[in-house]
Amino acid sequence: MTILRRVLYVCLLGGLIWAGVQFVRGNETPLQVDLLVVEPLTLAAWKVLLGAFALGAVLAVLISLLEVTRYAFVARRYRRAAARLEREVHQLRNLPLSEDGLASGADEPDFAASSGGQAPGHG
């Protein structure tokens, strides 16, 4: 299996080299490039194309990196908020339900005793 993988890698590398040579051969036409800050340059078309591709790739990576960084900060903020809320929930779980008998229902009116066993409005 490793031999097959190595043969595949060698063929892939050979194909990339062949494609690169064909690209250079097909794009040797000289172009005059004016960058506005230096005097015009005369370069082969393949160099201009390769430079433009590389510049675009670098810009795409930078923009992606900015987005990933932004999402990482947002995720970090949400993780902190979730941790804070979990701590609050654990604190609330440890509190007693009532200090003056609210848990036993002492503050609720006793409808059965005052209205003969029926809730108000039903009798």
C-alpha atoms as a PDB file:
ATOM      1  CA  MET A   1       0.000   0.000   0.000  1.00  0.00           C
ATOM      2  CA  THR A   2       2.818   2.435   0.815  1.00  0.00           C
ATOM      3  CA  ILE A   3       4.474   1.662  -2.534  1.00  0.00           C
ATOM      4  CA  LEU A   4       1.258   2.550  -4.357  1.00  0.00           C
ATOM      5  CA  ARG A   5       0.994   5.776  -2.378  1.00  0.00           C
ATOM      6  CA  ARG A   6       4.601   6.719  -3.214  1.00  0.00           C
ATOM      7  CA  VAL A   7       4.049   5.973  -6.903  1.00  0.00           C
ATOM      8  CA  LEU A   8       0.932   8.147  -6.810  1.00  0.00           C
ATOM      9  CA  TYR A   9       2.879  11.016  -5.184  1.00  0.00           C
ATOM     10  CA  VAL A  10       5.683  10.736  -7.761  1.00  0.00           C
ATOM     11  CA  CYS A  11       3.154  10.770 -10.616  1.00  0.00           C
ATOM     12  CA  LEU A  12       1.371  13.755  -9.076  1.00  0.00           C
ATOM     13  CA  LEU A  13       4.646  15.647  -8.656  1.00  0.00           C
ATOM     14  CA  GLY A  14       5.658  14.790 -12.239  1.00  0.00           C
ATOM     15  CA  GLY A  15       2.297  16.005 -13.527  1.00  0.00           C
ATOM     16  CA  LEU A  16       2.646  19.301 -11.664  1.00  0.00           C
ATOM     17  CA  ILE A  17       6.149  19.830 -13.021  1.00  0.00           C
ATOM     18  CA  TRP A  18       4.968  19.030 -16.561  1.00  0.00           C
ATOM     19  CA  ALA A  19       2.015  21.434 -16.205  1.00  0.00           C
ATOM     20  CA  GLY A  20       4.338  24.166 -14.900  1.00  0.00           C
ATOM     21  CA  VAL A  21       6.730  23.751 -17.839  1.00  0.00           C
ATOM     22  CA  GLN A  22       3.834  23.866 -20.314  1.00  0.00           C
ATOM     23  CA  PHE A  23       2.474  26.989 -18.602  1.00  0.00           C
ATOM     24  CA  VAL A  24       5.848  28.750 -18.882  1.00  0.00           C
ATOM     25  CA  ARG A  25       6.275  27.695 -22.535  1.00  0.00           C
ATOM     26  CA  GLY A  26       2.813  28.920 -23.467  1.00  0.00           C
ATOM     27  CA  ASN A  27       3.139  32.298 -21.707  1.00  0.00           C
ATOM     28  CA  GLU A  28       6.575  33.636 -22.601  1.00  0.00           C
ATOM     29  CA  THR A  29       5.221  36.745 -24.327  1.00  0.00           C
ATOM     30  CA  PRO A  30       6.789  39.874 -22.790  1.00  0.00           C
ATOM     31  CA  LEU A  31       4.375  42.286 -21.132  1.00  0.00           C
ATOM     32  CA  GLN A  32       4.995  45.813 -19.949  1.00  0.00           C
ATOM     33  CA  VAL A  33       3.730  46.249 -16.383  1.00  0.00           C
ATOM     34  CA  ASP A  34       3.220  49.718 -14.913  1.00  0.00           C
ATOM     35  CA  LEU A  35       2.931  49.606 -11.103  1.00  0.00           C
ATOM     36  CA  LEU A  36       2.539  53.402 -10.720  1.00  0.00           C
ATOM     37  CA  VAL A  37       5.311  53.616  -8.108  1.00  0.00           C
ATOM     38  CA  VAL A  38       8.243  52.349 -10.174  1.00  0.00           C
ATOM     39  CA  GLU A  39       9.082  52.744 -13.824  1.00  0.00           C
ATOM     40  CA  PRO A  40       7.362  50.246 -16.154  1.00  0.00           C
ATOM     41  CA  LEU A  41       8.776  46.727 -16.104  1.00  0.00           C
ATOM     42  CA  THR A  42       8.943  44.265 -18.963  1.00  0.00           C
ATOM     43  CA  LEU A  43       8.216  40.775 -17.708  1.00  0.00           C
ATOM     44  CA  ALA A  44       7.183  37.474 -19.237  1.00  0.00           C
ATOM     45  CA  ALA A  45       3.438  36.872 -19.131  1.00  0.00           C
ATOM     46  CA  TRP A  46       3.826  33.777 -16.945  1.00  0.00           C
ATOM     47  CA  LYS A  47       5.650  35.839 -14.301  1.00  0.00           C
ATOM     48  CA  VAL A  48       2.885  38.425 -14.290  1.00  0.00           C
ATOM     49  CA  LEU A  49       0.201  35.741 -14.049  1.00  0.00           C
ATOM     50  CA  LEU A  50       2.051  33.873 -11.326  1.00  0.00           C
ATOM     51  CA  GLY A  51       2.598  37.103  -9.370  1.00  0.00           C
ATOM     52  CA  ALA A  52      -1.060  38.057  -9.637  1.00  0.00           C
ATOM     53  CA  PHE A  53      -2.106  34.582  -8.509  1.00  0.00           C
ATOM     54  CA  ALA A  54       0.294  34.696  -5.556  1.00  0.00           C
ATOM     55  CA  LEU A  55      -0.889  38.165  -4.541  1.00  0.00           C
ATOM     56  CA  GLY A  56      -4.510  37.048  -4.696  1.00  0.00           C
ATOM     57  CA  ALA A  57      -3.732  33.945  -2.631  1.00  0.00           C
ATOM     58  CA  VAL A  58      -1.966  36.021   0.035  1.00  0.00           C
ATOM     59  CA  LEU A  59      -4.877  38.459   0.216  1.00  0.00           C
ATOM     60  CA  ALA A  60      -7.369  35.589   0.486  1.00  0.00           C
ATOM     61  CA  VAL A  61      -5.369  34.025   3.320  1.00  0.00           C
ATOM     62  CA  LEU A  62      -5.190  37.357   5.171  1.00  0.00           C
ATOM     63  CA  ILE A  63      -8.922  37.963   4.829  1.00  0.00           C
ATOM     64  CA  SER A  64      -9.664  34.405   5.967  1.00  0.00           C
ATOM     65  CA  LEU A  65      -7.311  34.823   8.899  1.00  0.00           C
ATOM     66  CA  LEU A  66      -9.122  37.992   9.949  1.00  0.00           C
ATOM     67  CA  GLU A  67     -12.478  36.211   9.792  1.00  0.00           C
ATOM     68  CA  VAL A  68     -11.210  33.205  11.731  1.00  0.00           C
ATOM     69  CA  THR A  69      -9.752  35.517  14.372  1.00  0.00           C
ATOM     70  CA  ARG A  70     -13.037  37.383  14.657  1.00  0.00           C
ATOM     71  CA  TYR A  71     -14.979  34.137  15.034  1.00  0.00           C
ATOM     72  CA  ALA A  72     -12.483  32.911  17.622  1.00  0.00           C
ATOM     73  CA  PHE A  73     -13.038  36.038  19.720  1.00  0.00           C
ATOM     74  CA  VAL A  74     -16.815  35.681  19.417  1.00  0.00           C
ATOM     75  CA  ALA A  75     -16.601  32.010  20.425  1.00  0.00           C
ATOM     76  CA  ARG A  76     -14.391  32.932  23.357  1.00  0.00           C
ATOM     77  CA  ARG A  77     -16.919  35.539  24.493  1.00  0.00           C
ATOM     78  CA  TYR A  78     -19.746  32.986  24.249  1.00  0.00           C
ATOM     79  CA  ARG A  79     -17.743  30.367  26.162  1.00  0.00           C
ATOM     80  CA  ARG A  80     -17.094  32.890  28.937  1.00  0.00           C
ATOM     81  CA  ALA A  81     -20.767  33.852  29.055  1.00  0.00           C
ATOM     82  CA  ALA A  82     -21.803  30.194  29.171  1.00  0.00           C
ATOM     83  CA  ALA A  83     -19.314  29.481  31.967  1.00  0.00           C
ATOM     84  CA  ARG A  84     -20.602  32.498  33.909  1.00  0.00           C
ATOM     85  CA  LEU A  85     -24.189  31.332  33.492  1.00  0.00           C
ATOM     86  CA  GLU A  86     -23.270  27.784  34.544  1.00  0.00           C
ATOM     87  CA  ARG A  87     -21.633  29.154  37.699  1.00  0.00           C
ATOM     88  CA  GLU A  88     -24.793  31.140  38.387  1.00  0.00           C
ATOM     89  CA  VAL A  89     -26.954  28.046  37.932  1.00  0.00           C
ATOM     90  CA  HIS A  90     -24.750  26.077  40.339  1.00  0.00           C
ATOM     91  CA  GLN A  91     -24.962  28.901  42.879  1.00  0.00           C
ATOM     92  CA  LEU A  92     -28.741  28.966  42.554  1.00  0.00           C
ATOM     93  CA  ARG A  93     -28.922  25.191  43.000  1.00  0.00           C
ATOM     94  CA  ASN A  94     -27.025  25.469  46.274  1.00  0.00           C
ATOM     95  CA  LEU A  95     -29.324  28.134  47.705  1.00  0.00           C
ATOM     96  CA  PRO A  96     -32.199  27.082  49.936  1.00  0.00           C
ATOM     97  CA  LEU A  97     -35.585  27.302  48.288  1.00  0.00           C
ATOM     98  CA  SER A  98     -37.005  29.494  51.025  1.00  0.00           C
ATOM     99  CA  GLU A  99     -35.953  31.221  54.205  1.00  0.00           C
ATOM    100  CA  ASP A 100     -39.467  31.831  55.559  1.00  0.00           C
ATOM    101  CA  GLY A 101     -41.323  28.727  54.444  1.00  0.00           C
ATOM    102  CA  LEU A 102     -41.947  29.508  50.774  1.00  0.00           C
ATOM    103  CA  ALA A 103     -40.875  26.016  49.860  1.00  0.00           C
ATOM    104  CA  SER A 104     -43.631  24.480  51.963  1.00  0.00           C
ATOM    105  CA  GLY A 105     -46.311  26.643  50.372  1.00  0.00           C
ATOM    106  CA  ALA A 106     -47.030  28.688  53.529  1.00  0.00           C
ATOM    107  CA  ASP A 107     -47.512  31.928  51.591  1.00  0.00           C
ATOM    108  CA  GLU A 108     -50.207  30.497  49.335  1.00  0.00           C
ATOM    109  CA  PRO A 109     -53.756  31.067  50.515  1.00  0.00           C
ATOM    110  CA  ASP A 110     -55.605  28.037  51.763  1.00  0.00           C
ATOM    111  CA  PHE A 111     -58.653  27.988  49.494  1.00  0.00           C
ATOM    112  CA  ALA A 112     -60.002  24.754  50.912  1.00  0.00           C
ATOM    113  CA  ALA A 113     -60.324  26.182  54.422  1.00  0.00           C
ATOM    114  CA  SER A 114     -61.877  29.521  53.454  1.00  0.00           C
ATOM    115  CA  SER A 115     -64.413  28.472  50.797  1.00  0.00           C
ATOM    116  CA  GLY A 116     -65.591  25.133  51.865  1.00  0.00           C
ATOM    117  CA  GLY A 117     -63.166  23.098  49.721  1.00  0.00           C
ATOM    118  CA  GLN A 118     -63.602  24.948  46.445  1.00  0.00           C
ATOM    119  CA  ALA A 119     -61.349  27.400  44.684  1.00  0.00           C
ATOM    120  CA  PRO A 120     -62.586  31.016  44.499  1.00  0.00           C
ATOM    121  CA  GLY A 121     -64.983  31.718  41.666  1.00  0.00           C
ATOM    122  CA  HIS A 122     -66.236  28.103  41.557  1.00  0.00           C
ATOM    123  CA  GLY A 123     -68.779  28.153  44.258  1.00  0.00           C
END
